[in-house]
Amino acid sequence: MAILVLAIIVLAAGFGEVVAALSLFDPLWLLGLSLLQFLTISLTVFAWYLVIGAAGGKISFSEALRINLTGSFVESVTPASKLGGQAAKIHLLHRRTGLDYQQLAAVTLVSTLLTLLPFMALAGLCLVWGAVNRQIALITTGAFLVLGLFTAAVAWACHTQRKPEEVAPRTGRASTLGVALLLGMRRAFIFLMQAGQESRRLLSYRQRLVFLALSSIVWILYPVKVFLVVRMLSLEIGFADVAIATYVAYLVSMLPLFPGGLGSFEATMALLLSSAGVSFSQGLAVALLARLVTFWLPLVLSVIAASLTAWNVRCDHPRMGPL
């Protein structure tokens, strides 16, 4: 469905015009961009690897890279809420490190929070700047608010001093099915609260600053890669406009509409770049080339990683089916 939506967007923009813009790409530039993307992936995994080590997990960097890419594969083929990818990472880390699920949930919470904070700051600045210079779509503001509420909820779970039992939803008087559902919600809530409390003990203040610095570098590199694509296509678009288009496109793509944000990312970026002085088809060409490096290349790597993971699981447990 997402591929179909993307194809419709390309046809609506003018297939010939998009192809003409894409024909200006330089393979050497794409190679350089691919190396820059691999650096981005490595920095992301290294920050995650540090948190796993702080939790007491014994795992090599190469294993952490493979597990992270496997989780990214799940994220890329499911709507971009990332919950499935995080669950896959937790399950695989439990098998490899011996850490219990609560410890791994704590790793996930603190990693998610420290990854989202720099992005929210950068996206917020772009929304303010964009609101001054051009009209920002309602869906963009809504996406920012939804992601902001999610970030605030994770931050609260990681830093609240209240006991989980004090704030967990109570069953009250309800039907048998209602009681069962509420009990399940209560247990899940208490589990996440306990994981949040565990996350406070994982990293020192200095380690949190290191993680935030790495996350900030990763997020800053994203508009840099898009700007390099713009320059490769010889388009006259300033870096500020590219940054706004990049962060707003990622913001919209995080809504669970299509797997990997396909379609929503490209359309949003093309629309914002077109308001910066290029045609919609040229903006779409930039988005497609940027996604070739930041989405499709990592997807190929994640397919390889997921295949290796499935093979390792079957070798460890011959009677098990695919992962």
Protein backbone atom coordinates (compact mmCIF):
# COMPACT_ATOMS: atom_id res chain seq x y z
CA MET A 1 0.00 0.00 0.00
CA ALA A 2 2.79 2.43 0.93
CA ILE A 3 4.62 1.72 -2.35
CA LEU A 4 1.37 2.34 -4.24
CA VAL A 5 0.90 5.68 -2.44
CA LEU A 6 4.46 6.65 -3.29
CA ALA A 7 3.94 5.68 -6.95
CA ILE A 8 0.78 7.81 -7.09
CA ILE A 9 2.71 10.78 -5.67
CA VAL A 10 5.42 10.38 -8.32
CA LEU A 11 2.83 10.16 -11.12
CA ALA A 12 0.96 13.18 -9.77
CA ALA A 13 4.20 15.19 -9.66
CA GLY A 14 4.95 14.28 -13.27
CA PHE A 15 6.89 11.10 -13.90
CA GLY A 16 9.00 12.58 -16.69
CA GLU A 17 9.95 15.66 -14.64
CA VAL A 18 10.91 13.55 -11.61
CA VAL A 19 13.04 11.24 -13.79
CA ALA A 20 14.71 14.28 -15.41
CA ALA A 21 15.64 15.63 -11.97
CA LEU A 22 16.86 12.22 -10.80
CA SER A 23 19.06 11.85 -13.88
CA LEU A 24 21.40 14.54 -12.50
CA PHE A 25 22.60 12.34 -9.64
CA ASP A 26 26.29 11.47 -9.35
CA PRO A 27 27.20 7.90 -8.24
CA LEU A 28 30.28 9.18 -6.36
CA TRP A 29 28.11 11.56 -4.37
CA LEU A 30 25.75 8.70 -3.54
CA LEU A 31 28.70 6.61 -2.37
CA GLY A 32 29.81 9.42 -0.08
CA LEU A 33 26.27 9.85 1.23
CA SER A 34 26.04 6.11 1.86
CA LEU A 35 29.24 6.21 3.92
CA LEU A 36 27.82 9.16 5.87
CA GLN A 37 24.64 7.17 6.49
CA PHE A 38 26.66 4.21 7.77
CA LEU A 39 28.44 6.61 10.15
CA THR A 40 25.00 7.72 11.36
CA ILE A 41 23.94 4.12 11.97
CA SER A 42 27.20 3.37 13.78
CA LEU A 43 26.84 6.39 16.09
CA THR A 44 23.25 5.41 16.89
CA VAL A 45 24.23 1.83 17.70
CA PHE A 46 27.25 2.95 19.74
CA ALA A 47 25.06 5.14 21.97
CA TRP A 48 22.64 2.22 22.40
CA TYR A 49 25.58 -0.12 23.05
CA LEU A 50 26.77 2.14 25.90
CA VAL A 51 23.38 1.93 27.63
CA ILE A 52 23.31 -1.87 27.30
CA GLY A 53 26.77 -2.02 28.88
CA ALA A 54 25.66 0.27 31.70
CA ALA A 55 22.80 -2.16 32.40
CA GLY A 56 25.31 -5.03 32.71
CA GLY A 57 24.70 -6.61 29.34
CA LYS A 58 27.62 -8.48 27.80
CA ILE A 59 27.45 -8.08 24.05
CA SER A 60 29.86 -7.18 21.27
CA PHE A 61 29.39 -4.06 19.15
CA SER A 62 28.88 -6.22 16.05
CA GLU A 63 26.06 -8.12 17.79
CA ALA A 64 24.52 -4.85 18.95
CA LEU A 65 24.68 -3.59 15.35
CA ARG A 66 23.03 -6.75 14.01
CA ILE A 67 20.24 -6.67 16.61
CA ASN A 68 19.62 -2.97 16.06
CA LEU A 69 19.38 -3.47 12.30
CA THR A 70 17.03 -6.42 12.82
CA GLY A 71 14.77 -4.18 14.91
CA SER A 72 14.99 -1.53 12.19
CA PHE A 73 13.77 -4.11 9.67
CA VAL A 74 10.65 -4.70 11.78
CA GLU A 75 10.14 -0.92 12.05
CA SER A 76 10.52 -0.50 8.29
CA VAL A 77 7.89 -3.07 7.34
CA THR A 78 5.31 -2.00 9.93
CA PRO A 79 3.61 1.39 10.45
CA ALA A 80 6.18 3.80 11.88
CA SER A 81 5.19 3.67 15.52
CA LYS A 82 8.46 1.75 16.17
CA LEU A 83 6.84 -0.38 18.90
CA GLY A 84 7.35 -3.61 16.96
CA GLY A 85 11.01 -2.82 16.34
CA GLN A 86 11.63 -2.07 20.01
CA ALA A 87 9.91 -5.29 21.07
CA ALA A 88 12.10 -7.27 18.64
CA LYS A 89 15.26 -5.64 20.02
CA ILE A 90 14.23 -6.39 23.62
CA HIS A 91 13.50 -10.04 22.78
CA LEU A 92 16.82 -10.53 20.97
CA LEU A 93 18.81 -8.74 23.67
CA HIS A 94 17.17 -10.93 26.31
CA ARG A 95 18.39 -14.00 24.44
CA ARG A 96 21.92 -12.66 23.95
CA THR A 97 22.69 -10.73 27.14
CA GLY A 98 20.72 -12.55 29.81
CA LEU A 99 19.26 -9.25 31.05
CA ASP A 100 15.68 -9.56 32.24
CA TYR A 101 12.83 -7.84 30.44
CA GLN A 102 12.49 -5.09 33.04
CA GLN A 103 16.17 -4.14 32.66
CA LEU A 104 15.81 -4.15 28.89
CA ALA A 105 12.64 -2.08 29.10
CA ALA A 106 14.68 0.41 31.16
CA VAL A 107 17.36 0.42 28.45
CA THR A 108 14.67 1.08 25.84
CA LEU A 109 13.03 3.88 27.84
CA VAL A 110 16.21 5.82 28.55
CA SER A 111 17.49 5.30 24.97
CA THR A 112 14.17 6.46 23.52
CA LEU A 113 14.06 9.54 25.74
CA LEU A 114 17.66 10.60 25.05
CA THR A 115 17.11 10.04 21.31
CA LEU A 116 13.86 12.00 21.13
CA LEU A 117 14.94 15.03 23.16
CA PRO A 118 17.42 16.41 20.56
CA PHE A 119 14.97 15.70 17.75
CA MET A 120 12.12 17.47 19.55
CA ALA A 121 14.35 20.48 20.17
CA LEU A 122 15.44 20.68 16.52
CA ALA A 123 11.94 20.00 15.18
CA GLY A 124 10.50 22.63 17.53
CA LEU A 125 12.96 25.25 16.27
CA CYS A 126 12.10 24.36 12.68
CA LEU A 127 8.37 24.65 13.35
CA VAL A 128 8.82 28.08 14.92
CA TRP A 129 11.03 29.24 12.03
CA GLY A 130 8.71 27.72 9.47
CA ALA A 131 5.64 29.30 11.04
CA VAL A 132 7.25 32.72 10.59
CA ASN A 133 8.20 32.15 6.95
CA ARG A 134 5.46 29.90 5.61
CA GLN A 135 2.25 28.21 6.64
CA ILE A 136 2.82 24.95 8.51
CA ALA A 137 0.19 22.29 7.89
CA LEU A 138 -2.11 21.34 10.76
CA ILE A 139 -0.99 17.70 10.56
CA THR A 140 2.60 18.81 11.24
CA THR A 141 1.66 20.67 14.40
CA GLY A 142 -0.50 17.73 15.45
CA ALA A 143 2.35 15.29 14.88
CA PHE A 144 4.67 17.48 16.96
CA LEU A 145 2.16 17.61 19.81
CA VAL A 146 1.57 13.84 19.73
CA LEU A 147 5.30 13.10 19.73
CA GLY A 148 5.78 15.74 22.43
CA LEU A 149 3.19 14.07 24.66
CA PHE A 150 4.85 10.69 24.09
CA THR A 151 8.26 12.15 24.97
CA ALA A 152 6.81 13.78 28.10
CA ALA A 153 5.23 10.46 29.15
CA VAL A 154 8.55 8.61 28.74
CA ALA A 155 10.37 11.38 30.65
CA TRP A 156 7.80 11.18 33.45
CA ALA A 157 8.13 7.39 33.66
CA CYS A 158 11.93 7.74 33.86
CA HIS A 159 11.98 10.46 36.51
CA THR A 160 8.87 10.18 38.69
CA GLN A 161 9.51 9.40 42.36
CA ARG A 162 6.04 7.96 42.97
CA LYS A 163 5.55 4.27 43.54
CA PRO A 164 4.02 2.40 40.57
CA GLU A 165 1.20 0.99 42.72
CA GLU A 166 0.13 4.52 43.67
CA VAL A 167 -0.54 5.70 40.13
CA ALA A 168 -1.46 2.47 38.33
CA PRO A 169 -5.09 2.30 37.11
CA ARG A 170 -7.36 0.42 39.49
CA THR A 171 -9.89 -2.19 38.48
CA GLY A 172 -12.84 -0.79 40.36
CA ARG A 173 -16.21 -2.34 39.70
CA ALA A 174 -16.51 -3.73 36.19
CA SER A 175 -17.51 -6.83 34.30
CA THR A 176 -15.30 -9.92 34.33
CA LEU A 177 -13.87 -9.00 30.93
CA GLY A 178 -13.40 -5.42 32.05
CA VAL A 179 -11.59 -6.54 35.20
CA ALA A 180 -9.29 -8.78 33.15
CA LEU A 181 -8.47 -5.92 30.76
CA LEU A 182 -7.87 -3.47 33.59
CA LEU A 183 -5.69 -5.97 35.44
CA GLY A 184 -3.62 -6.42 32.29
CA MET A 185 -3.31 -2.65 31.88
CA ARG A 186 -2.38 -2.28 35.55
CA ARG A 187 0.36 -4.92 35.31
CA ALA A 188 1.74 -3.35 32.13
CA PHE A 189 1.67 0.11 33.71
CA ILE A 190 3.45 -1.07 36.86
CA PHE A 191 6.02 -2.89 34.72
CA LEU A 192 6.77 0.27 32.71
CA MET A 193 6.93 2.39 35.87
CA GLN A 194 9.38 -0.03 37.45
CA ALA A 195 11.42 0.00 34.24
CA GLY A 196 11.38 3.80 34.36
CA GLN A 197 12.69 3.78 37.92
CA GLU A 198 15.34 1.27 36.88
CA SER A 199 16.38 3.58 34.01
CA ARG A 200 17.33 6.35 36.47
CA ARG A 201 20.10 4.15 37.81
CA LEU A 202 21.48 3.13 34.42
CA LEU A 203 23.46 6.18 33.36
CA SER A 204 25.43 8.80 35.22
CA TYR A 205 24.95 12.47 34.42
CA ARG A 206 28.09 12.40 32.27
CA GLN A 207 26.94 9.31 30.38
CA ARG A 208 23.60 10.97 29.65
CA LEU A 209 25.42 13.98 28.23
CA VAL A 210 27.51 11.69 26.02
CA PHE A 211 24.35 9.96 24.73
CA LEU A 212 22.65 13.31 24.11
CA ALA A 213 25.72 14.54 22.24
CA LEU A 214 25.78 11.44 20.02
CA SER A 215 22.02 11.70 19.36
CA SER A 216 22.36 15.38 18.50
CA ILE A 217 25.15 14.64 16.01
CA VAL A 218 23.01 11.92 14.40
CA TRP A 219 20.01 14.23 14.01
CA ILE A 220 22.12 17.13 12.74
CA LEU A 221 23.60 14.88 10.06
CA TYR A 222 20.16 14.20 8.53
CA PRO A 223 19.61 17.65 6.99
CA VAL A 224 23.31 17.69 6.04
CA LYS A 225 22.70 14.59 3.89
CA VAL A 226 19.61 16.12 2.30
CA PHE A 227 21.53 19.36 1.64
CA LEU A 228 24.25 17.36 -0.11
CA VAL A 229 21.54 15.81 -2.31
CA VAL A 230 20.27 19.31 -3.10
CA ARG A 231 23.77 20.40 -4.11
CA MET A 232 24.25 17.22 -6.16
CA LEU A 233 21.14 18.15 -8.17
CA SER A 234 22.38 21.76 -8.51
CA LEU A 235 19.28 23.22 -6.84
CA GLU A 236 19.34 26.63 -5.17
CA ILE A 237 17.89 25.92 -1.74
CA GLY A 238 19.35 27.28 1.48
CA PHE A 239 20.37 25.01 4.36
CA ALA A 240 17.69 26.49 6.68
CA ASP A 241 14.94 25.54 4.22
CA VAL A 242 16.45 22.06 3.84
CA ALA A 243 16.60 21.62 7.63
CA ILE A 244 12.96 22.65 8.04
CA ALA A 245 11.85 20.29 5.27
CA THR A 246 13.90 17.42 6.72
CA TYR A 247 12.77 17.63 10.34
CA VAL A 248 9.14 18.32 9.49
CA ALA A 249 9.13 15.37 7.04
CA TYR A 250 10.57 13.06 9.71
CA LEU A 251 8.05 14.41 12.19
CA VAL A 252 5.12 13.56 9.91
CA SER A 253 6.63 10.19 8.96
CA MET A 254 6.66 9.16 12.63
CA LEU A 255 2.87 9.06 12.61
CA PRO A 256 1.79 5.40 12.19
CA LEU A 257 0.29 5.89 8.73
CA PHE A 258 2.48 3.77 6.45
CA PRO A 259 5.40 1.36 6.99
CA GLY A 260 8.63 3.30 7.35
CA GLY A 261 6.74 6.55 6.75
CA LEU A 262 6.77 5.84 3.00
CA GLY A 263 4.76 8.37 1.05
CA SER A 264 4.16 10.74 3.96
CA PHE A 265 7.87 11.61 4.25
CA GLU A 266 8.41 12.15 0.53
CA ALA A 267 5.23 14.18 0.02
CA THR A 268 5.92 16.43 3.03
CA MET A 269 9.52 17.11 2.03
CA ALA A 270 8.60 17.78 -1.61
CA LEU A 271 5.84 20.19 -0.54
CA LEU A 272 8.12 22.16 1.80
CA LEU A 273 11.03 22.26 -0.66
CA SER A 274 8.68 23.46 -3.40
CA SER A 275 7.76 26.41 -1.20
CA ALA A 276 11.49 27.25 -1.07
CA GLY A 277 11.64 28.01 -4.79
CA VAL A 278 11.89 24.72 -6.70
CA SER A 279 9.22 22.70 -8.48
CA PHE A 280 7.34 19.94 -6.65
CA SER A 281 8.90 17.35 -8.97
CA GLN A 282 12.41 18.60 -8.10
CA GLY A 283 11.57 18.55 -4.40
CA LEU A 284 10.27 15.02 -4.79
CA ALA A 285 13.49 14.00 -6.56
CA VAL A 286 15.46 15.30 -3.57
CA ALA A 287 13.23 13.34 -1.20
CA LEU A 288 13.55 10.14 -3.24
CA LEU A 289 17.35 10.33 -3.40
CA ALA A 290 17.60 11.20 0.29
CA ARG A 291 15.41 8.21 1.13
CA LEU A 292 17.51 5.99 -1.11
CA VAL A 293 20.38 6.67 1.28
CA THR A 294 18.56 7.01 4.60
CA PHE A 295 15.80 4.40 4.18
CA TRP A 296 16.40 1.92 1.36
CA LEU A 297 20.11 1.36 1.98
CA PRO A 298 19.55 0.72 5.74
CA LEU A 299 16.60 -1.49 4.78
CA VAL A 300 18.90 -3.69 2.65
CA LEU A 301 21.35 -3.89 5.56
CA SER A 302 18.52 -4.68 7.98
CA VAL A 303 17.23 -7.48 5.73
CA ILE A 304 20.71 -9.02 5.78
CA ALA A 305 20.91 -8.59 9.56
CA ALA A 306 17.43 -10.07 10.09
CA SER A 307 18.35 -13.06 7.91
CA LEU A 308 21.54 -13.64 9.91
CA THR A 309 19.57 -13.34 13.16
CA ALA A 310 16.97 -15.84 11.97
CA TRP A 311 19.74 -18.21 10.87
CA ASN A 312 21.48 -17.94 14.26
CA VAL A 313 18.24 -18.61 16.11
CA ARG A 314 17.52 -21.70 13.99
CA CYS A 315 21.08 -22.95 14.51
CA ASP A 316 20.73 -22.52 18.27
CA HIS A 317 17.30 -24.16 18.28
CA PRO A 318 16.98 -26.44 15.21
CA ARG A 319 13.35 -27.32 15.96
CA MET A 320 12.26 -23.70 16.00
CA GLY A 321 10.78 -22.03 12.95
CA PRO A 322 11.93 -18.68 11.58
CA LEU A 323 12.33 -15.83 14.05
